[in-house]
Amino acid sequence: MKNPFILHPSSFILMDLLWLGYDGLSVRFVDVTAVLLYHPSLDARIVSAYGRVPANVRAVVITGAGAFLPSSWPPEQIRQRWASWREERT
């Protein structure tokens, strides 16, 4: 049986985005290079990439472009979602 749903190809792009827990802040999984436990010593790099250090930062996602982006999610949860995304692509 054919799929009864008609989806625009761009509708799948959201599946490739990792929401970092703050309004308007997402990163494509393909751009993630590392996930760190947040430490105040990373604040200057977060400010450089995001403009400020938001409340409740628990992890920092590093992109291939060198941006240090804050996340309110625990690093273990981000790493698990990132690993699941990579497995789906193999």
C-alpha atoms as a PDB file:
ATOM      1  CA  MET A   1       0.000   0.000   0.000  1.00  0.00           C
ATOM      2  CA  LYS A   2       1.283   3.435  -0.879  1.00  0.00           C
ATOM      3  CA  ASN A   3       1.870   6.026   1.803  1.00  0.00           C
ATOM      4  CA  PRO A   4      -1.365   8.051   2.069  1.00  0.00           C
ATOM      5  CA  PHE A   5       0.505  11.153   3.230  1.00  0.00           C
ATOM      6  CA  ILE A   6       1.981  13.619   0.799  1.00  0.00           C
ATOM      7  CA  LEU A   7       4.945  15.432   2.284  1.00  0.00           C
ATOM      8  CA  HIS A   8       7.014  18.195   0.837  1.00  0.00           C
ATOM      9  CA  PRO A   9      10.719  17.194   0.737  1.00  0.00           C
ATOM     10  CA  SER A  10      11.685  20.151   2.922  1.00  0.00           C
ATOM     11  CA  SER A  11       9.388  18.888   5.694  1.00  0.00           C
ATOM     12  CA  PHE A  12      12.096  16.396   6.649  1.00  0.00           C
ATOM     13  CA  ILE A  13      14.593  19.117   7.502  1.00  0.00           C
ATOM     14  CA  LEU A  14      13.188  19.457  11.030  1.00  0.00           C
ATOM     15  CA  MET A  15      14.216  15.881  11.763  1.00  0.00           C
ATOM     16  CA  ASP A  16      17.804  16.956  11.209  1.00  0.00           C
ATOM     17  CA  LEU A  17      17.658  19.820  13.716  1.00  0.00           C
ATOM     18  CA  LEU A  18      18.620  19.647  17.354  1.00  0.00           C
ATOM     19  CA  TRP A  19      16.698  22.178  19.440  1.00  0.00           C
ATOM     20  CA  LEU A  20      18.997  23.417  22.193  1.00  0.00           C
ATOM     21  CA  GLY A  21      16.289  24.419  24.656  1.00  0.00           C
ATOM     22  CA  TYR A  22      16.158  28.158  23.991  1.00  0.00           C
ATOM     23  CA  ASP A  23      13.817  30.083  21.690  1.00  0.00           C
ATOM     24  CA  GLY A  24      15.218  30.234  18.191  1.00  0.00           C
ATOM     25  CA  LEU A  25      18.338  28.215  18.972  1.00  0.00           C
ATOM     26  CA  SER A  26      18.786  25.026  17.000  1.00  0.00           C
ATOM     27  CA  VAL A  27      21.685  23.396  15.226  1.00  0.00           C
ATOM     28  CA  ARG A  28      21.749  20.883  12.416  1.00  0.00           C
ATOM     29  CA  PHE A  29      22.967  17.493  13.652  1.00  0.00           C
ATOM     30  CA  VAL A  30      25.411  17.372  10.742  1.00  0.00           C
ATOM     31  CA  ASP A  31      27.087  20.539  12.097  1.00  0.00           C
ATOM     32  CA  VAL A  32      27.671  19.161  15.612  1.00  0.00           C
ATOM     33  CA  THR A  33      31.277  18.189  16.300  1.00  0.00           C
ATOM     34  CA  ALA A  34      31.297  17.890  20.103  1.00  0.00           C
ATOM     35  CA  VAL A  35      29.113  18.180  23.201  1.00  0.00           C
ATOM     36  CA  LEU A  36      30.647  19.445  26.441  1.00  0.00           C
ATOM     37  CA  LEU A  37      29.439  19.714  30.001  1.00  0.00           C
ATOM     38  CA  TYR A  38      28.875  23.407  30.689  1.00  0.00           C
ATOM     39  CA  HIS A  39      31.535  25.211  32.694  1.00  0.00           C
ATOM     40  CA  PRO A  40      31.704  28.988  33.331  1.00  0.00           C
ATOM     41  CA  SER A  41      35.121  29.078  31.637  1.00  0.00           C
ATOM     42  CA  LEU A  42      33.209  28.633  28.334  1.00  0.00           C
ATOM     43  CA  ASP A  43      31.122  31.798  28.840  1.00  0.00           C
ATOM     44  CA  ALA A  44      33.241  34.035  26.591  1.00  0.00           C
ATOM     45  CA  ARG A  45      32.918  31.572  23.698  1.00  0.00           C
ATOM     46  CA  ILE A  46      29.160  31.248  24.249  1.00  0.00           C
ATOM     47  CA  VAL A  47      28.771  35.039  24.259  1.00  0.00           C
ATOM     48  CA  SER A  48      30.807  35.247  21.053  1.00  0.00           C
ATOM     49  CA  ALA A  49      28.503  32.767  19.291  1.00  0.00           C
ATOM     50  CA  TYR A  50      25.108  33.493  20.879  1.00  0.00           C
ATOM     51  CA  GLY A  51      25.425  36.997  22.313  1.00  0.00           C
ATOM     52  CA  ARG A  52      24.773  36.056  25.926  1.00  0.00           C
ATOM     53  CA  VAL A  53      24.877  33.176  28.384  1.00  0.00           C
ATOM     54  CA  PRO A  54      21.250  32.183  29.047  1.00  0.00           C
ATOM     55  CA  ALA A  55      19.969  30.798  32.335  1.00  0.00           C
ATOM     56  CA  ASN A  56      20.158  27.082  33.071  1.00  0.00           C
ATOM     57  CA  VAL A  57      22.956  26.165  30.656  1.00  0.00           C
ATOM     58  CA  ARG A  58      23.836  22.510  31.168  1.00  0.00           C
ATOM     59  CA  ALA A  59      25.783  21.697  28.014  1.00  0.00           C
ATOM     60  CA  VAL A  60      27.667  23.381  25.191  1.00  0.00           C
ATOM     61  CA  VAL A  61      27.378  22.171  21.611  1.00  0.00           C
ATOM     62  CA  ILE A  62      30.379  22.893  19.413  1.00  0.00           C
ATOM     63  CA  THR A  63      29.833  23.204  15.675  1.00  0.00           C
ATOM     64  CA  GLY A  64      32.175  22.554  12.796  1.00  0.00           C
ATOM     65  CA  ALA A  65      32.382  26.321  12.295  1.00  0.00           C
ATOM     66  CA  GLY A  66      33.735  26.685  15.840  1.00  0.00           C
ATOM     67  CA  ALA A  67      30.602  28.124  17.468  1.00  0.00           C
ATOM     68  CA  PHE A  68      30.015  27.260  21.122  1.00  0.00           C
ATOM     69  CA  LEU A  69      26.228  27.122  21.557  1.00  0.00           C
ATOM     70  CA  PRO A  70      24.489  26.801  24.936  1.00  0.00           C
ATOM     71  CA  SER A  71      21.917  24.131  25.671  1.00  0.00           C
ATOM     72  CA  SER A  72      19.563  23.600  28.579  1.00  0.00           C
ATOM     73  CA  TRP A  73      19.587  19.831  27.929  1.00  0.00           C
ATOM     74  CA  PRO A  74      21.961  17.529  29.837  1.00  0.00           C
ATOM     75  CA  PRO A  75      25.016  16.620  27.744  1.00  0.00           C
ATOM     76  CA  GLU A  76      24.226  12.890  27.991  1.00  0.00           C
ATOM     77  CA  GLN A  77      20.806  13.461  26.429  1.00  0.00           C
ATOM     78  CA  ILE A  78      22.261  15.498  23.560  1.00  0.00           C
ATOM     79  CA  ARG A  79      24.940  12.879  22.912  1.00  0.00           C
ATOM     80  CA  GLN A  80      22.289  10.150  22.858  1.00  0.00           C
ATOM     81  CA  ARG A  81      20.120  12.052  20.359  1.00  0.00           C
ATOM     82  CA  TRP A  82      23.176  12.838  18.220  1.00  0.00           C
ATOM     83  CA  ALA A  83      24.201   9.144  18.227  1.00  0.00           C
ATOM     84  CA  SER A  84      20.658   8.095  17.286  1.00  0.00           C
ATOM     85  CA  TRP A  85      20.676  10.549  14.401  1.00  0.00           C
ATOM     86  CA  ARG A  86      24.020   9.185  13.157  1.00  0.00           C
ATOM     87  CA  GLU A  87      22.747   5.589  13.376  1.00  0.00           C
ATOM     88  CA  GLU A  88      19.704   6.492  11.272  1.00  0.00           C
ATOM     89  CA  ARG A  89      22.028   7.800   8.558  1.00  0.00           C
ATOM     90  CA  THR A  90      24.115   4.611   8.234  1.00  0.00           C
END
